[in-house]
Amino acid sequence: MLSEFLLSEMTRLGTQDALPLHRQLYEALRRAMLDGKLGAGERLPSSRDLAQDLNLSRNTVVAAINQLSVEGYLASRVGSGTYVNDNVPRATPGRASTGAPLRAAPQQAGRLSQRGERLAHRFSAADLEVQPFTPGIADFSAFPLPLWQRLQNKHWRMTYPDMLDYNTSGGYAPLRRAIADYLRVFRSVHLDADQVIVTTGTQQSLELCARLLADHGDTVWVEDPAYWGAMKAFMATGLQVHPVPVDRQGIAPGPQDDATPPRLIYVTPSHQYPTGAVMSLPRRHQLLATAAAHEAWVLEDDYDSEYRFSGPPISSLEGLDTTGRVLYMGTFSKVLYPGIKLGYLVVPKALTEAFRRAHYDLNRPGQMPVQAALAEFIEMGHFASALRRARQSYAERRQLLLDALRPVLRDDAEGPRITGAEQGLHLCLRLPGTVDDVALTQRIAQQGLTVRPLSAYCLQRTDLRGLVIGYGYAPLGEIARCGPLLAHAVARVLESRPLPA
């Protein structure tokens, strides 16, 4: 029976690969088609029937079917149903399926490089992105979309021919001025507008720094646990990653780390990703002194400083730098919307011209009409208003989630506790070391919820357990419904730990 096969495959995939439910169903259906259990032209059960048979939400089933339809495995016929396409390849006759996750064996001529293999299979965004506490729901209702559309249309109508070309100056000048003004006032960054390089986001900023400030094989210190996107950028540029553990005061390098001198030091000091630790003032001074001693560059990723919910704003690390060794980066993706693909990099004055030229040569930056619209959006005060509304909305979601998790928290050092909730769009529920957080996230996924195991972000450490939970993109109603389910799952595990895989 199809449903029994799908359930068996989903159980195996959930245990081995910790895939979210919709991806488990996608892989199971694809296996059924490739193995011939679903033949060409065969009609699938309705999404409602599949959801009932598999004990899944209908949204989960629809997401899997839609993905298979986009990829050409399925075809929908109006008024008739969904059918297996005639062109779906079959498994080789006479060979039994291994049951392994579907991955085409590469031909010798098309094999990935070693770096390509690492990029393709390590630190996958699908595995480590914390955004979807409630899968498949993105809420940007606080963003003034009609106003933004009017501004974009205005600048498209006014666009001069040179606005349609590549940009050689590091970005639209009024936007760079607006960014500089904002950072000086709200983040205590010391800069002039010509030090701002407009990029497509943090990933491009990191790759630009890695290419211009380090050579292939140089060492970069990274926080452990680490931000997966930075790991990808450094792997892609051929750097050797040296993990440095994080404690409650931020990155904590010791003598053993000094034995591996860095060329770059990557940090998220205002809200460490993913633990949420805030780097203390003594630790900041210590880090700057360490960078100076090693003649290293510090890459400060200030990815969510706009959302500070308690306590005073935390000043930038760059604001303490007196030697010109800190490069500061931020993004508009979390303040406006991810698809805007605009960020910024602030470089020391001595490096400005080199970065501007390299940015042009490597990336051919453009999108000047969008940059012009954003500059006006900031200058007219709309950015501040949108940020204020978003901050209020996210604060309500954060508080609702905290209230839901409160029953499982403990005051003792070993008990569950929350870190990183003072800022940002995610928090970390720290768990005792005896808890298998990977198995826990798989069990939570069976309820249609997506959280990430803290241990998955660790590079060398084996002592951290917890759940990394994003709440910024889940509506209040979903948090009210799903928060108690999450707390109940954690409570059950704590009653019967250690959790078996």
Protein backbone atom coordinates (compact mmCIF):
# COMPACT_ATOMS: atom_id res chain seq x y z
CA MET A 1 0.00 0.00 0.00
CA LEU A 2 1.31 3.42 -0.96
CA SER A 3 0.70 5.07 2.41
CA GLU A 4 2.62 2.31 4.24
CA PHE A 5 5.60 2.72 1.92
CA LEU A 6 5.54 6.50 2.34
CA LEU A 7 5.36 6.24 6.13
CA SER A 8 8.29 3.82 6.17
CA GLU A 9 10.41 6.08 3.95
CA MET A 10 9.54 9.19 5.95
CA THR A 11 10.48 7.50 9.21
CA ARG A 12 13.85 6.48 7.78
CA LEU A 13 14.52 9.94 6.33
CA GLY A 14 13.51 11.67 9.55
CA THR A 15 15.87 9.46 11.54
CA GLN A 16 18.87 9.64 9.19
CA ASP A 17 18.76 13.15 7.74
CA ALA A 18 16.56 15.19 10.12
CA LEU A 19 14.58 16.53 7.17
CA PRO A 20 11.43 18.61 7.73
CA LEU A 21 8.16 16.80 7.15
CA HIS A 22 7.34 18.26 3.73
CA ARG A 23 10.80 17.31 2.51
CA GLN A 24 10.46 13.79 3.91
CA LEU A 25 7.20 13.35 2.00
CA TYR A 26 8.74 14.84 -1.15
CA GLU A 27 11.65 12.36 -1.01
CA ALA A 28 9.35 9.42 -0.23
CA LEU A 29 7.02 10.19 -3.15
CA ARG A 30 9.96 10.68 -5.47
CA ARG A 31 11.39 7.32 -4.39
CA ALA A 32 8.02 5.67 -5.03
CA MET A 33 7.97 7.04 -8.58
CA LEU A 34 11.57 6.23 -9.41
CA ASP A 35 11.24 2.69 -8.00
CA GLY A 36 8.07 2.08 -9.99
CA LYS A 37 5.72 1.85 -7.01
CA LEU A 38 3.88 4.76 -8.63
CA GLY A 39 3.72 4.07 -12.35
CA ALA A 40 3.61 6.51 -15.25
CA GLY A 41 0.13 7.97 -15.61
CA GLU A 42 -0.98 6.69 -12.23
CA ARG A 43 -3.23 9.01 -10.23
CA LEU A 44 -2.14 10.15 -6.76
CA PRO A 45 -4.59 10.12 -3.86
CA SER A 46 -5.99 13.55 -3.13
CA SER A 47 -4.01 15.82 -0.81
CA ARG A 48 -6.79 15.50 1.75
CA ASP A 49 -6.68 11.69 1.67
CA LEU A 50 -2.87 11.63 1.83
CA ALA A 51 -2.89 14.00 4.79
CA GLN A 52 -5.39 11.77 6.61
CA ASP A 53 -3.55 8.51 5.81
CA LEU A 54 -0.15 9.89 6.83
CA ASN A 55 -1.40 11.95 9.79
CA LEU A 56 0.06 15.14 8.32
CA SER A 57 -1.29 18.61 7.84
CA ARG A 58 -2.71 19.27 4.40
CA ASN A 59 -0.28 22.19 3.97
CA THR A 60 2.63 19.77 4.39
CA VAL A 61 1.23 17.44 1.72
CA VAL A 62 0.46 20.29 -0.69
CA ALA A 63 4.00 21.70 -0.29
CA ALA A 64 5.54 18.33 -1.24
CA ILE A 65 3.21 17.81 -4.21
CA ASN A 66 3.77 21.34 -5.48
CA GLN A 67 7.55 20.86 -5.40
CA LEU A 68 7.28 17.59 -7.33
CA SER A 69 5.02 19.28 -9.88
CA VAL A 70 7.48 22.14 -10.36
CA GLU A 71 10.29 19.62 -10.95
CA GLY A 72 8.24 17.72 -13.55
CA TYR A 73 7.49 14.52 -11.63
CA LEU A 74 3.77 15.20 -11.39
CA ALA A 75 1.17 16.83 -13.62
CA SER A 76 -2.21 18.20 -12.56
CA ARG A 77 -5.31 17.83 -14.71
CA VAL A 78 -8.13 20.25 -14.00
CA GLY A 79 -11.09 18.46 -12.51
CA SER A 80 -9.34 15.11 -12.63
CA GLY A 81 -6.45 15.08 -10.15
CA THR A 82 -2.66 14.79 -10.02
CA TYR A 83 -0.84 12.13 -12.05
CA VAL A 84 2.70 10.77 -12.39
CA ASN A 85 4.32 12.19 -15.50
CA ASP A 86 5.18 9.83 -18.35
CA ASN A 87 8.80 11.05 -18.48
CA VAL A 88 9.81 10.09 -14.92
CA PRO A 89 12.96 7.89 -15.13
CA ARG A 90 12.79 4.41 -13.68
CA ALA A 91 15.26 2.47 -11.52
CA THR A 92 17.49 0.06 -13.46
CA PRO A 93 15.65 -3.29 -13.84
CA GLY A 94 17.01 -6.09 -11.69
CA ARG A 95 18.65 -3.78 -9.16
CA ALA A 96 17.07 -3.50 -5.76
CA SER A 97 16.68 -0.09 -4.21
CA THR A 98 19.21 0.55 -1.47
CA GLY A 99 16.82 2.78 0.43
CA ALA A 100 19.53 5.44 0.57
CA PRO A 101 18.57 9.09 0.11
CA LEU A 102 18.16 9.83 -3.57
CA ARG A 103 21.34 11.30 -4.97
CA ALA A 104 22.38 10.72 -8.54
CA ALA A 105 25.85 9.17 -8.75
CA PRO A 106 27.96 11.75 -10.59
CA GLN A 107 29.61 10.81 -13.86
CA GLN A 108 33.39 10.99 -13.81
CA ALA A 109 33.47 13.98 -16.16
CA GLY A 110 30.89 15.89 -14.11
CA ARG A 111 32.23 15.24 -10.64
CA LEU A 112 32.30 18.16 -8.23
CA SER A 113 35.56 19.51 -6.93
CA GLN A 114 36.47 18.81 -3.30
CA ARG A 115 35.45 22.35 -2.46
CA GLY A 116 32.23 21.87 -4.42
CA GLU A 117 31.42 18.73 -2.44
CA ARG A 118 31.92 20.60 0.84
CA LEU A 119 29.79 23.50 -0.33
CA ALA A 120 27.02 21.25 -1.58
CA HIS A 121 26.78 18.93 1.41
CA ARG A 122 27.96 20.80 4.52
CA PHE A 123 26.08 23.51 6.43
CA SER A 124 23.04 23.43 4.18
CA ALA A 125 20.73 26.43 4.48
CA ALA A 126 17.76 24.05 4.44
CA ASP A 127 19.16 22.32 7.51
CA LEU A 128 20.30 25.34 9.52
CA GLU A 129 18.09 28.31 8.64
CA VAL A 130 16.14 29.22 11.79
CA GLN A 131 13.50 31.34 10.11
CA PRO A 132 10.59 28.87 9.84
CA PHE A 133 9.38 28.15 13.39
CA THR A 134 6.10 27.72 11.58
CA PRO A 135 7.07 26.16 8.22
CA GLY A 136 5.99 27.78 4.98
CA ILE A 137 4.69 31.02 6.48
CA ALA A 138 6.43 34.34 5.88
CA ASP A 139 4.82 37.43 7.33
CA PHE A 140 5.90 40.81 6.03
CA SER A 141 2.62 42.51 6.84
CA ALA A 142 4.38 45.29 8.74
CA PHE A 143 6.22 46.39 5.59
CA PRO A 144 4.50 49.27 3.70
CA LEU A 145 4.39 47.54 0.34
CA PRO A 146 2.17 50.07 -1.56
CA LEU A 147 4.49 52.93 -0.58
CA TRP A 148 7.55 50.91 -1.58
CA GLN A 149 5.99 50.11 -4.96
CA ARG A 150 5.26 53.79 -5.58
CA LEU A 151 8.84 54.75 -4.81
CA GLN A 152 10.21 52.06 -7.10
CA ASN A 153 7.87 53.05 -9.91
CA LYS A 154 8.86 56.68 -9.48
CA HIS A 155 12.56 55.94 -9.86
CA TRP A 156 12.02 53.61 -12.78
CA ARG A 157 10.15 56.40 -14.57
CA MET A 158 12.92 58.91 -13.75
CA THR A 159 15.80 56.58 -14.48
CA TYR A 160 18.61 57.98 -16.60
CA PRO A 161 20.56 55.62 -18.88
CA ASP A 162 23.56 55.50 -16.53
CA MET A 163 21.26 54.19 -13.77
CA LEU A 164 20.77 51.05 -15.86
CA ASP A 165 24.50 50.37 -16.12
CA TYR A 166 26.90 48.77 -13.65
CA ASN A 167 27.99 51.01 -10.80
CA THR A 168 31.66 51.77 -10.15
CA SER A 169 31.32 53.98 -7.06
CA GLY A 170 30.39 51.36 -4.46
CA GLY A 171 26.69 52.12 -4.63
CA TYR A 172 24.16 54.90 -5.16
CA ALA A 173 25.65 57.95 -3.42
CA PRO A 174 22.47 59.13 -1.59
CA LEU A 175 21.96 55.59 -0.26
CA ARG A 176 25.54 55.40 1.01
CA ARG A 177 25.03 58.76 2.75
CA ALA A 178 21.77 57.58 4.30
CA ILE A 179 23.42 54.38 5.56
CA ALA A 180 26.34 56.34 7.00
CA ASP A 181 24.01 58.73 8.83
CA TYR A 182 22.01 55.85 10.27
CA LEU A 183 25.08 53.92 11.47
CA ARG A 184 26.69 56.96 13.06
CA VAL A 185 23.58 57.74 15.12
CA PHE A 186 22.23 54.29 16.00
CA ARG A 187 25.24 51.96 15.92
CA SER A 188 28.12 54.27 16.98
CA VAL A 189 30.08 53.40 13.84
CA HIS A 190 32.83 55.87 12.90
CA LEU A 191 32.62 56.41 9.15
CA ASP A 192 32.20 58.66 6.15
CA ALA A 193 29.80 57.87 3.33
CA ASP A 194 32.64 56.95 0.96
CA GLN A 195 33.57 54.05 3.30
CA VAL A 196 30.22 52.36 2.60
CA ILE A 197 30.10 49.66 -0.08
CA VAL A 198 26.57 48.60 -1.05
CA THR A 199 26.43 44.82 -1.57
CA THR A 200 23.74 42.23 -2.20
CA GLY A 201 23.90 41.19 1.45
CA THR A 202 26.09 39.69 4.14
CA GLN A 203 27.22 36.75 2.00
CA GLN A 204 28.67 39.02 -0.66
CA SER A 205 30.23 41.25 1.98
CA LEU A 206 31.96 38.26 3.58
CA GLU A 207 33.22 36.88 0.27
CA LEU A 208 34.57 40.30 -0.71
CA CYS A 209 36.46 40.57 2.59
CA ALA A 210 37.81 37.03 2.28
CA ARG A 211 39.06 37.60 -1.26
CA LEU A 212 40.69 40.96 -0.62
CA LEU A 213 42.12 40.46 2.86
CA ALA A 214 43.23 36.82 2.86
CA ASP A 215 44.98 34.37 0.55
CA HIS A 216 44.01 30.79 -0.21
CA GLY A 217 44.86 28.64 2.83
CA ASP A 218 44.95 31.52 5.32
CA THR A 219 43.26 30.99 8.68
CA VAL A 220 39.99 32.57 9.75
CA TRP A 221 38.83 32.34 13.34
CA VAL A 222 35.10 31.73 13.61
CA GLU A 223 32.79 31.42 16.58
CA ASP A 224 31.85 27.90 17.67
CA PRO A 225 28.89 27.37 17.32
CA ALA A 226 28.92 29.16 13.98
CA TYR A 227 26.73 30.96 11.45
CA TRP A 228 26.37 28.58 8.51
CA GLY A 229 26.42 31.38 5.91
CA ALA A 230 29.85 32.59 7.02
CA MET A 231 31.16 29.02 6.89
CA LYS A 232 29.96 28.75 3.29
CA ALA A 233 31.65 32.03 2.32
CA PHE A 234 34.98 31.04 3.85
CA MET A 235 34.87 27.55 2.38
CA ALA A 236 34.14 29.00 -1.06
CA THR A 237 37.19 31.28 -0.87
CA GLY A 238 39.61 28.58 0.23
CA LEU A 239 40.24 29.67 3.82
CA GLN A 240 41.11 27.36 6.70
CA VAL A 241 38.48 27.64 9.43
CA HIS A 242 39.68 27.59 13.04
CA PRO A 243 36.78 27.29 15.53
CA VAL A 244 36.99 29.35 18.73
CA PRO A 245 34.48 28.51 21.50
CA VAL A 246 31.82 30.98 22.61
CA ASP A 247 30.82 31.49 26.25
CA ARG A 248 28.33 33.87 27.87
CA GLN A 249 30.59 36.85 27.06
CA GLY A 250 31.07 35.96 23.39
CA ILE A 251 34.04 34.52 21.54
CA ALA A 252 36.72 33.35 23.99
CA PRO A 253 40.12 32.78 22.36
CA GLY A 254 42.84 31.28 24.53
CA PRO A 255 46.54 30.38 24.23
CA GLN A 256 45.65 27.27 22.24
CA ASP A 257 44.00 29.50 19.63
CA ASP A 258 46.92 31.93 19.49
CA ALA A 259 49.02 28.98 18.34
CA THR A 260 46.99 29.15 15.07
CA PRO A 261 47.34 32.84 14.13
CA PRO A 262 44.40 34.24 12.17
CA ARG A 263 44.35 36.45 9.13
CA LEU A 264 40.63 37.12 9.68
CA ILE A 265 38.41 36.95 12.77
CA TYR A 266 34.67 36.66 12.12
CA VAL A 267 32.32 37.62 14.98
CA THR A 268 28.69 38.49 15.72
CA PRO A 269 29.33 40.47 18.92
CA SER A 270 25.95 42.15 19.45
CA HIS A 271 23.95 38.91 19.25
CA GLN A 272 26.05 35.81 18.71
CA TYR A 273 24.58 33.50 16.13
CA PRO A 274 23.04 31.17 17.17
CA THR A 275 23.44 31.28 21.01
CA GLY A 276 22.53 34.96 21.36
CA ALA A 277 25.49 35.76 23.66
CA VAL A 278 26.43 39.44 23.86
CA MET A 279 30.14 40.18 23.81
CA SER A 280 31.12 41.99 27.00
CA LEU A 281 33.14 45.20 26.95
CA PRO A 282 36.30 43.56 28.40
CA ARG A 283 36.03 40.77 25.83
CA ARG A 284 35.68 43.33 23.03
CA HIS A 285 38.84 45.12 24.09
CA GLN A 286 40.59 41.77 24.41
CA LEU A 287 39.54 40.76 20.90
CA LEU A 288 40.75 44.03 19.37
CA ALA A 289 44.09 43.64 21.16
CA THR A 290 44.37 40.06 19.90
CA ALA A 291 43.63 41.18 16.34
CA ALA A 292 46.30 43.88 16.56
CA ALA A 293 48.85 41.43 17.95
CA HIS A 294 48.24 39.04 15.06
CA GLU A 295 47.81 41.82 12.49
CA ALA A 296 44.43 40.31 11.69
CA TRP A 297 41.25 41.87 10.32
CA VAL A 298 38.02 41.65 12.32
CA LEU A 299 34.79 41.07 10.38
CA GLU A 300 31.86 42.34 12.48
CA ASP A 301 28.49 40.96 11.36
CA ASP A 302 25.76 43.12 12.91
CA TYR A 303 22.92 41.17 11.34
CA ASP A 304 19.94 42.00 13.60
CA SER A 305 20.88 44.92 15.83
CA GLU A 306 17.72 46.80 14.80
CA TYR A 307 15.63 44.50 16.98
CA ARG A 308 16.64 45.14 20.57
CA PHE A 309 13.77 44.37 22.97
CA SER A 310 15.26 44.95 26.42
CA GLY A 311 18.12 47.01 27.76
CA PRO A 312 19.99 49.79 25.97
CA PRO A 313 21.23 49.35 22.39
CA ILE A 314 24.61 47.66 22.13
CA SER A 315 27.24 49.77 20.41
CA SER A 316 29.25 48.33 17.57
CA LEU A 317 32.66 46.75 17.99
CA GLU A 318 33.87 49.03 15.21
CA GLY A 319 33.11 52.03 17.42
CA LEU A 320 35.84 50.86 19.85
CA ASP A 321 38.43 50.23 17.15
CA THR A 322 41.32 52.73 17.08
CA THR A 323 43.58 50.87 14.67
CA GLY A 324 41.35 50.54 11.62
CA ARG A 325 41.13 46.74 11.72
CA VAL A 326 37.36 46.24 11.91
CA LEU A 327 35.15 45.86 8.84
CA TYR A 328 31.48 46.28 9.72
CA MET A 329 28.60 44.73 7.77
CA GLY A 330 24.81 44.76 7.93
CA THR A 331 21.78 43.93 5.81
CA PHE A 332 18.32 45.25 4.93
CA SER A 333 16.91 41.75 4.47
CA LYS A 334 15.59 41.43 8.03
CA VAL A 335 14.37 45.02 8.32
CA LEU A 336 12.57 45.24 4.97
CA TYR A 337 12.21 41.86 3.24
CA PRO A 338 14.71 39.12 2.26
CA GLY A 339 14.21 39.47 -1.48
CA ILE A 340 15.47 43.05 -1.55
CA LYS A 341 19.00 41.59 -1.53
CA LEU A 342 20.74 44.74 -0.33
CA GLY A 343 23.35 45.03 2.41
CA TYR A 344 26.36 47.17 3.21
CA LEU A 345 29.99 46.86 4.16
CA VAL A 346 31.93 49.59 5.96
CA VAL A 347 35.65 49.38 5.26
CA PRO A 348 38.59 51.32 6.77
CA LYS A 349 39.46 54.44 4.79
CA ALA A 350 42.77 53.02 3.61
CA LEU A 351 40.93 50.16 1.90
CA THR A 352 38.05 52.07 0.36
CA GLU A 353 39.34 52.46 -3.19
CA ALA A 354 40.64 48.88 -3.39
CA PHE A 355 37.32 47.46 -2.22
CA ARG A 356 35.35 49.66 -4.57
CA ARG A 357 37.38 48.56 -7.59
CA ALA A 358 37.36 44.88 -6.63
CA HIS A 359 33.61 44.99 -5.97
CA TYR A 360 33.10 46.30 -9.48
CA ASP A 361 35.45 43.80 -11.10
CA LEU A 362 34.14 40.75 -9.23
CA ASN A 363 30.45 41.48 -8.81
CA ARG A 364 29.41 44.07 -11.41
CA PRO A 365 27.01 45.78 -8.95
CA GLY A 366 23.79 47.34 -10.26
CA GLN A 367 20.12 47.75 -9.27
CA MET A 368 20.52 51.51 -9.07
CA PRO A 369 16.77 52.25 -9.31
CA VAL A 370 16.12 49.98 -6.31
CA GLN A 371 18.97 51.63 -4.40
CA ALA A 372 17.53 55.06 -5.27
CA ALA A 373 14.09 54.02 -3.99
CA LEU A 374 15.64 52.76 -0.75
CA ALA A 375 17.61 55.99 -0.28
CA GLU A 376 14.41 58.02 -0.52
CA PHE A 377 12.59 55.53 1.71
CA ILE A 378 15.20 56.17 4.43
CA GLU A 379 15.52 59.93 3.91
CA MET A 380 11.75 60.52 4.16
CA GLY A 381 11.56 58.69 7.50
CA HIS A 382 9.70 55.65 6.19
CA PHE A 383 12.52 53.31 7.18
CA ALA A 384 12.36 54.44 10.81
CA SER A 385 8.57 54.07 10.82
CA ALA A 386 8.67 50.62 9.24
CA LEU A 387 11.33 49.54 11.70
CA ARG A 388 9.29 50.81 14.64
CA ARG A 389 6.21 48.88 13.51
CA ALA A 390 8.21 45.73 12.83
CA ARG A 391 9.95 45.94 16.19
CA GLN A 392 6.61 46.17 17.98
CA SER A 393 5.20 43.25 16.00
CA TYR A 394 8.23 41.04 16.61
CA ALA A 395 8.28 41.97 20.30
CA GLU A 396 4.73 40.62 20.65
CA ARG A 397 5.67 37.36 18.94
CA ARG A 398 8.77 37.02 21.08
CA GLN A 399 6.82 37.54 24.29
CA LEU A 400 4.16 35.03 23.27
CA LEU A 401 6.82 32.42 22.57
CA LEU A 402 8.61 33.13 25.85
CA ASP A 403 5.31 32.74 27.73
CA ALA A 404 4.70 29.40 26.02
CA LEU A 405 8.17 28.09 26.91
CA ARG A 406 8.22 29.36 30.50
CA PRO A 407 6.71 26.18 32.04
CA VAL A 408 9.72 24.09 30.97
CA LEU A 409 12.41 26.52 32.19
CA ARG A 410 14.42 25.83 35.35
CA ASP A 411 16.46 28.07 37.62
CA ASP A 412 19.32 25.62 38.16
CA ALA A 413 22.41 25.73 35.96
CA GLU A 414 21.64 22.35 34.35
CA GLY A 415 18.00 23.06 33.64
CA PRO A 416 16.54 24.43 30.40
CA ARG A 417 17.13 28.15 30.00
CA ILE A 418 16.70 30.69 27.24
CA THR A 419 19.55 32.75 25.80
CA GLY A 420 19.56 35.43 23.14
CA ALA A 421 15.97 36.59 23.60
CA GLU A 422 16.89 40.23 24.23
CA GLN A 423 17.49 40.88 20.53
CA GLY A 424 16.88 39.57 17.06
CA LEU A 425 14.34 37.23 15.49
CA HIS A 426 15.36 33.98 17.14
CA LEU A 427 16.15 32.62 20.58
CA CYS A 428 18.03 29.62 21.88
CA LEU A 429 16.50 27.17 24.33
CA ARG A 430 19.53 25.64 26.04
CA LEU A 431 19.06 22.04 27.19
CA PRO A 432 21.00 19.69 29.47
CA GLY A 433 23.91 17.89 27.84
CA THR A 434 22.18 14.52 28.19
CA VAL A 435 19.44 15.51 25.75
CA ASP A 436 19.79 14.43 22.12
CA ASP A 437 18.68 17.67 20.48
CA VAL A 438 18.80 16.19 16.97
CA ALA A 439 16.34 13.44 17.90
CA LEU A 440 14.21 16.02 19.69
CA THR A 441 13.93 18.23 16.59
CA GLN A 442 12.91 15.17 14.57
CA ARG A 443 10.13 14.42 17.04
CA ILE A 444 9.01 18.04 16.96
CA ALA A 445 8.99 17.89 13.14
CA GLN A 446 6.45 15.09 13.33
CA GLN A 447 4.06 17.70 14.74
CA GLY A 448 4.64 19.96 11.73
CA LEU A 449 7.04 22.34 13.52
CA THR A 450 10.54 23.28 12.40
CA VAL A 451 13.24 24.12 14.92
CA ARG A 452 16.97 23.45 14.68
CA PRO A 453 19.32 21.55 17.02
CA LEU A 454 21.98 23.77 18.55
CA SER A 455 24.52 20.97 18.23
CA ALA A 456 24.21 21.13 14.43
CA TYR A 457 25.85 24.57 14.45
CA CYS A 458 28.89 23.33 16.39
CA LEU A 459 32.18 22.83 14.57
CA GLN A 460 34.31 21.07 17.20
CA ARG A 461 32.31 21.38 20.40
CA THR A 462 30.34 18.44 21.71
CA ASP A 463 29.01 20.02 24.92
CA LEU A 464 26.15 22.15 23.60
CA ARG A 465 22.54 21.01 23.33
CA GLY A 466 19.48 23.09 22.65
CA LEU A 467 16.87 24.30 20.18
CA VAL A 468 17.32 27.33 17.93
CA ILE A 469 13.86 28.78 17.38
CA GLY A 470 12.95 31.54 14.94
CA TYR A 471 9.78 33.50 15.66
CA GLY A 472 9.95 36.55 13.39
CA TYR A 473 8.04 34.98 10.51
CA ALA A 474 5.33 33.17 12.46
CA PRO A 475 2.02 35.02 12.98
CA LEU A 476 0.78 35.46 16.52
CA GLY A 477 -1.99 32.92 16.07
CA GLU A 478 0.45 30.24 14.98
CA ILE A 479 2.79 30.95 17.89
CA ALA A 480 -0.16 30.75 20.29
CA ARG A 481 -1.06 27.35 18.81
CA CYS A 482 2.41 25.90 18.27
CA GLY A 483 4.29 27.31 21.27
CA PRO A 484 2.57 25.03 23.81
CA LEU A 485 3.12 22.03 21.51
CA LEU A 486 6.82 22.83 21.44
CA ALA A 487 6.97 23.23 25.22
CA HIS A 488 5.12 19.95 25.73
CA ALA A 489 7.58 18.09 23.47
CA VAL A 490 10.51 19.49 25.46
CA ALA A 491 8.86 18.64 28.79
CA ARG A 492 8.32 15.03 27.73
CA VAL A 493 11.97 14.68 26.80
CA LEU A 494 13.15 16.14 30.10
CA GLU A 495 11.00 13.65 31.99
CA SER A 496 12.56 10.69 30.18
CA ARG A 497 16.11 11.77 29.29
CA PRO A 498 18.42 10.78 27.83
CA LEU A 499 16.38 10.78 24.64
CA PRO A 500 16.99 7.77 22.43
CA ALA A 501 17.65 8.43 18.76
